[in-house]
Amino acid sequence: MGKSTIANWEKQGNIGIISLSNGKENYLIEPEFIDINDLKNWTNDNQLKGIIIKGTGRNFSAGASLSDLVSLAQNKTMLSKKISSGKEILDYIENLEIPIIAAINGVCFGGGLEIALACHIRIASKNALFAFPESNLGLIPGLGGIYRIIQLLGQHDMFDLILSADMVNTENAKQIGLVDYISESKDAFESAITKITNLTHDRSIELIQYVMKAIHNAKKLDRTEALKIETELFCKLAIQVKKD
């Protein structure tokens, strides 16, 4: 077990679990919802095959509270620093070489939705609600949400989500590609455990990491470089298979 800011850490076998915990709505007190050094220590585990991020209780996270935003905005330099730190945390999560699943129950708003977007897979319960309410406050998503949402959905649905600030239910979120799977269980965490176990339980950690490396490279590198590295990864695994 471990705790950092509003995040709790535990392991179930080879799976790490990060639980957001701050009242009923799991508000993010500040963009640094977890200390980056704690996160690195938790994930520096060569037996770890995957991570699930969830909210404690009935909700994933309602994002930042208005009072916390007002408090942070009093100091522009500090606000900018904390926003940059929050983005660093989400970039670190997104770039991990193990699958990360967001298990989403209840509300997933603002910064909470930006956390979910940094995960590789999003599984939501049937009662989940999604929104970027920032425009109602004269703001935009500040933790990379615009960049990630346009990569995921394209411009049309991005405008609807960000400018309208309307809530989207799970069924509609699945239709537009915001959610990957709808949980058959009332608690999305149960479905997330099943999913990540099915994906990883009989796969070596090396294979999982190589798959994630290839996926990350395909998203970030040009075609020639990505395919070159993919070939290198394949050959390393093929040699290992031959030895076994």
Protein backbone atom coordinates (compact mmCIF):
# COMPACT_ATOMS: atom_id res chain seq x y z
CA MET A 1 0.00 0.00 0.00
CA GLY A 2 1.07 3.57 -0.62
CA LYS A 3 -0.44 7.06 -0.63
CA SER A 4 0.50 10.21 -2.53
CA THR A 5 -1.58 13.41 -2.52
CA ILE A 6 -5.09 12.06 -3.29
CA ALA A 7 -3.94 8.78 -4.86
CA ASN A 8 -3.64 5.40 -3.14
CA TRP A 9 -1.52 2.53 -4.49
CA GLU A 10 -1.84 -1.20 -4.04
CA LYS A 11 -1.03 -4.36 -5.97
CA GLN A 12 -3.11 -7.41 -6.75
CA GLY A 13 -0.64 -9.94 -8.07
CA ASN A 14 1.06 -8.37 -11.09
CA ILE A 15 -1.51 -5.58 -11.43
CA GLY A 16 -1.11 -2.16 -9.83
CA ILE A 17 -4.16 -0.20 -8.71
CA ILE A 18 -4.25 3.59 -8.35
CA SER A 19 -7.35 4.82 -6.51
CA LEU A 20 -8.29 8.51 -6.53
CA SER A 21 -9.65 9.37 -3.11
CA ASN A 22 -10.94 12.79 -2.09
CA GLY A 23 -14.52 12.94 -0.87
CA LYS A 24 -17.55 11.70 -2.77
CA GLU A 25 -16.53 13.37 -6.04
CA ASN A 26 -12.80 12.59 -5.80
CA TYR A 27 -11.95 16.19 -6.63
CA LEU A 28 -8.41 16.93 -7.77
CA ILE A 29 -7.06 19.39 -5.22
CA GLU A 30 -4.46 20.47 -7.76
CA PRO A 31 -3.12 19.25 -11.13
CA GLU A 32 -0.43 17.25 -9.31
CA PHE A 33 -2.95 14.67 -8.13
CA ILE A 34 -0.09 12.29 -7.46
CA ASP A 35 3.57 12.97 -6.73
CA ILE A 36 5.57 12.07 -9.84
CA ASN A 37 8.38 10.54 -7.77
CA ASP A 38 5.93 8.33 -5.88
CA LEU A 39 4.42 7.28 -9.20
CA LYS A 40 7.83 6.40 -10.60
CA ASN A 41 8.70 4.41 -7.48
CA TRP A 42 5.42 2.50 -7.64
CA THR A 43 5.83 1.64 -11.32
CA ASN A 44 9.54 0.80 -11.08
CA ASP A 45 8.63 -2.85 -10.60
CA ASN A 46 9.83 -5.44 -13.09
CA GLN A 47 6.97 -7.75 -12.11
CA LEU A 48 4.25 -5.24 -12.96
CA LYS A 49 2.10 -6.23 -15.97
CA GLY A 50 -0.55 -3.51 -15.93
CA ILE A 51 -2.26 -0.76 -13.95
CA ILE A 52 -5.88 0.17 -13.30
CA ILE A 53 -6.81 3.74 -12.34
CA LYS A 54 -10.15 4.13 -10.60
CA GLY A 55 -12.04 6.39 -8.23
CA THR A 56 -12.84 5.47 -4.65
CA GLY A 57 -16.57 5.08 -4.10
CA ARG A 58 -19.21 5.84 -6.72
CA ASN A 59 -17.29 8.32 -8.90
CA PHE A 60 -14.10 8.38 -10.93
CA SER A 61 -13.31 12.09 -10.48
CA ALA A 62 -15.17 15.36 -10.97
CA GLY A 63 -11.91 17.14 -11.75
CA ALA A 64 -10.87 20.34 -9.98
CA SER A 65 -13.26 22.17 -7.68
CA LEU A 66 -13.99 25.83 -8.40
CA SER A 67 -12.57 26.93 -5.05
CA ASP A 68 -9.29 25.13 -5.73
CA LEU A 69 -9.07 26.70 -9.20
CA VAL A 70 -9.66 30.18 -7.79
CA SER A 71 -6.98 29.61 -5.16
CA LEU A 72 -4.42 28.38 -7.69
CA ALA A 73 -5.14 31.25 -10.09
CA GLN A 74 -3.94 33.82 -7.55
CA ASN A 75 -0.36 33.07 -8.55
CA LYS A 76 0.19 32.77 -12.31
CA THR A 77 3.73 31.43 -11.99
CA MET A 78 2.72 28.76 -9.50
CA LEU A 79 -0.37 27.86 -11.55
CA SER A 80 1.73 27.40 -14.69
CA LYS A 81 4.22 25.25 -12.78
CA LYS A 82 1.51 23.03 -11.35
CA ILE A 83 -0.23 22.65 -14.73
CA SER A 84 3.10 21.64 -16.29
CA SER A 85 3.67 19.13 -13.48
CA GLY A 86 0.18 17.70 -14.01
CA LYS A 87 0.90 17.25 -17.71
CA GLU A 88 4.18 15.53 -16.88
CA ILE A 89 2.31 13.05 -14.69
CA LEU A 90 -0.21 12.23 -17.42
CA ASP A 91 2.52 11.96 -20.06
CA TYR A 92 4.37 9.54 -17.80
CA ILE A 93 1.23 7.42 -17.39
CA GLU A 94 0.53 7.46 -21.12
CA ASN A 95 4.10 6.43 -21.99
CA LEU A 96 4.36 3.52 -19.56
CA GLU A 97 5.26 0.27 -21.29
CA ILE A 98 2.46 -1.69 -19.66
CA PRO A 99 -1.28 -1.32 -20.37
CA ILE A 100 -3.15 1.23 -18.26
CA ILE A 101 -6.93 0.92 -17.88
CA ALA A 102 -9.26 3.60 -16.55
CA ALA A 103 -12.16 1.98 -14.67
CA ILE A 104 -14.85 4.65 -14.75
CA ASN A 105 -17.91 4.79 -12.50
CA GLY A 106 -20.13 7.82 -12.01
CA VAL A 107 -18.79 11.24 -12.96
CA CYS A 108 -15.66 11.68 -15.04
CA PHE A 109 -15.36 15.42 -15.54
CA GLY A 110 -12.64 17.91 -16.43
CA GLY A 111 -9.28 16.86 -15.04
CA GLY A 112 -10.76 13.47 -14.20
CA LEU A 113 -11.56 12.94 -17.87
CA GLU A 114 -8.06 14.08 -18.79
CA ILE A 115 -6.64 11.37 -16.50
CA ALA A 116 -8.86 8.79 -18.21
CA LEU A 117 -7.74 10.00 -21.65
CA ALA A 118 -4.10 9.38 -20.70
CA CYS A 119 -4.94 5.71 -20.10
CA HIS A 120 -4.68 3.20 -22.94
CA ILE A 121 -8.12 1.63 -22.37
CA ARG A 122 -11.28 3.13 -20.87
CA ILE A 123 -13.96 0.87 -19.38
CA ALA A 124 -17.09 2.56 -18.04
CA SER A 125 -20.08 1.42 -16.03
CA LYS A 126 -23.50 2.03 -17.54
CA ASN A 127 -24.14 4.94 -15.17
CA ALA A 128 -20.98 6.90 -16.00
CA LEU A 129 -21.12 10.51 -17.19
CA PHE A 130 -18.43 12.40 -19.08
CA ALA A 131 -17.91 16.14 -19.57
CA PHE A 132 -15.45 18.96 -20.01
CA PRO A 133 -17.23 21.64 -17.94
CA GLU A 134 -14.33 24.11 -18.19
CA SER A 135 -16.01 26.29 -20.84
CA ASN A 136 -18.79 27.08 -18.36
CA LEU A 137 -16.08 28.78 -16.29
CA GLY A 138 -14.48 30.51 -19.27
CA LEU A 139 -11.63 27.99 -19.34
CA ILE A 140 -10.28 25.18 -21.51
CA PRO A 141 -8.99 21.75 -20.43
CA GLY A 142 -5.48 22.33 -19.12
CA LEU A 143 -3.82 18.92 -18.78
CA GLY A 144 -3.53 17.90 -22.42
CA GLY A 145 -7.19 17.03 -22.83
CA ILE A 146 -7.65 18.93 -26.09
CA TYR A 147 -4.63 17.26 -27.68
CA ARG A 148 -5.68 13.79 -26.59
CA ILE A 149 -9.36 14.18 -27.44
CA ILE A 150 -8.66 15.35 -30.99
CA GLN A 151 -6.32 12.40 -31.52
CA LEU A 152 -9.05 10.09 -30.28
CA LEU A 153 -12.26 11.57 -31.68
CA GLY A 154 -11.39 14.13 -34.33
CA GLN A 155 -12.59 17.74 -34.51
CA HIS A 156 -16.35 17.26 -34.79
CA ASP A 157 -16.95 15.48 -31.51
CA MET A 158 -14.16 17.45 -29.85
CA PHE A 159 -16.03 20.73 -30.41
CA ASP A 160 -19.21 19.26 -28.98
CA LEU A 161 -17.47 18.05 -25.83
CA ILE A 162 -15.30 21.07 -25.12
CA LEU A 163 -17.42 24.05 -26.17
CA SER A 164 -20.87 22.81 -25.17
CA ALA A 165 -19.74 21.36 -21.82
CA ASP A 166 -22.67 18.96 -22.19
CA MET A 167 -22.60 15.68 -20.30
CA VAL A 168 -22.25 12.48 -22.33
CA ASN A 169 -23.57 9.16 -21.02
CA THR A 170 -21.75 5.87 -21.38
CA GLU A 171 -23.69 4.68 -24.42
CA ASN A 172 -22.97 7.86 -26.37
CA ALA A 173 -19.37 7.88 -25.15
CA LYS A 174 -18.95 4.39 -26.58
CA GLN A 175 -20.51 5.44 -29.89
CA ILE A 176 -18.08 8.33 -30.41
CA GLY A 177 -15.05 6.34 -29.24
CA LEU A 178 -14.48 8.02 -25.89
CA VAL A 179 -15.09 4.71 -24.12
CA ASP A 180 -13.67 1.40 -25.33
CA TYR A 181 -15.84 -1.02 -23.34
CA ILE A 182 -19.06 -0.82 -21.35
CA SER A 183 -18.88 -2.80 -18.13
CA GLU A 184 -21.37 -5.61 -17.70
CA SER A 185 -20.78 -5.33 -13.96
CA LYS A 186 -22.19 -2.46 -11.93
CA ASP A 187 -18.63 -1.63 -10.89
CA ALA A 188 -16.32 -0.94 -13.85
CA PHE A 189 -13.35 -2.03 -11.73
CA GLU A 190 -14.53 -5.64 -11.87
CA SER A 191 -14.58 -5.52 -15.67
CA ALA A 192 -11.20 -3.79 -15.72
CA ILE A 193 -9.63 -6.52 -13.57
CA THR A 194 -11.07 -9.18 -15.87
CA LYS A 195 -9.86 -7.35 -18.98
CA ILE A 196 -6.31 -6.70 -17.83
CA THR A 197 -5.98 -10.24 -16.45
CA ASN A 198 -7.13 -11.73 -19.75
CA LEU A 199 -4.66 -9.53 -21.63
CA THR A 200 -1.62 -10.21 -19.49
CA HIS A 201 -1.87 -13.31 -17.27
CA ASP A 202 -0.18 -15.77 -19.65
CA ARG A 203 2.07 -13.24 -21.38
CA SER A 204 5.64 -12.51 -20.36
CA ILE A 205 6.47 -9.07 -19.04
CA GLU A 206 9.01 -8.69 -21.85
CA LEU A 207 6.35 -9.39 -24.50
CA ILE A 208 3.94 -6.90 -22.89
CA GLN A 209 6.62 -4.21 -22.82
CA TYR A 210 7.61 -4.83 -26.44
CA VAL A 211 3.98 -4.62 -27.58
CA MET A 212 3.61 -1.30 -25.76
CA LYS A 213 6.90 0.00 -27.21
CA ALA A 214 5.73 -0.84 -30.73
CA ILE A 215 2.38 0.88 -30.13
CA HIS A 216 4.01 4.02 -28.71
CA ASN A 217 6.48 4.14 -31.61
CA ALA A 218 3.70 3.74 -34.18
CA LYS A 219 1.95 6.79 -32.68
CA LYS A 220 5.00 9.02 -32.31
CA LEU A 221 7.57 8.14 -34.96
CA ASP A 222 7.48 8.33 -38.72
CA ARG A 223 6.58 5.13 -40.55
CA THR A 224 10.12 4.16 -41.55
CA GLU A 225 11.57 4.54 -38.05
CA ALA A 226 8.60 2.85 -36.36
CA LEU A 227 8.80 -0.17 -38.66
CA LYS A 228 12.56 -0.41 -38.19
CA ILE A 229 12.19 -0.60 -34.41
CA GLU A 230 9.28 -3.02 -34.76
CA THR A 231 11.56 -5.36 -36.72
CA GLU A 232 14.23 -5.12 -34.02
CA LEU A 233 11.69 -5.97 -31.32
CA PHE A 234 10.37 -8.91 -33.33
CA CYS A 235 13.86 -10.31 -33.83
CA LYS A 236 14.68 -10.05 -30.12
CA LEU A 237 11.54 -11.96 -29.23
CA ALA A 238 12.09 -14.54 -31.98
CA ILE A 239 15.58 -15.30 -30.67
CA GLN A 240 14.16 -15.75 -27.18
CA VAL A 241 11.44 -18.09 -28.48
CA LYS A 242 14.10 -20.19 -30.22
CA LYS A 243 16.10 -20.47 -26.98
CA ASP A 244 13.04 -21.57 -25.04
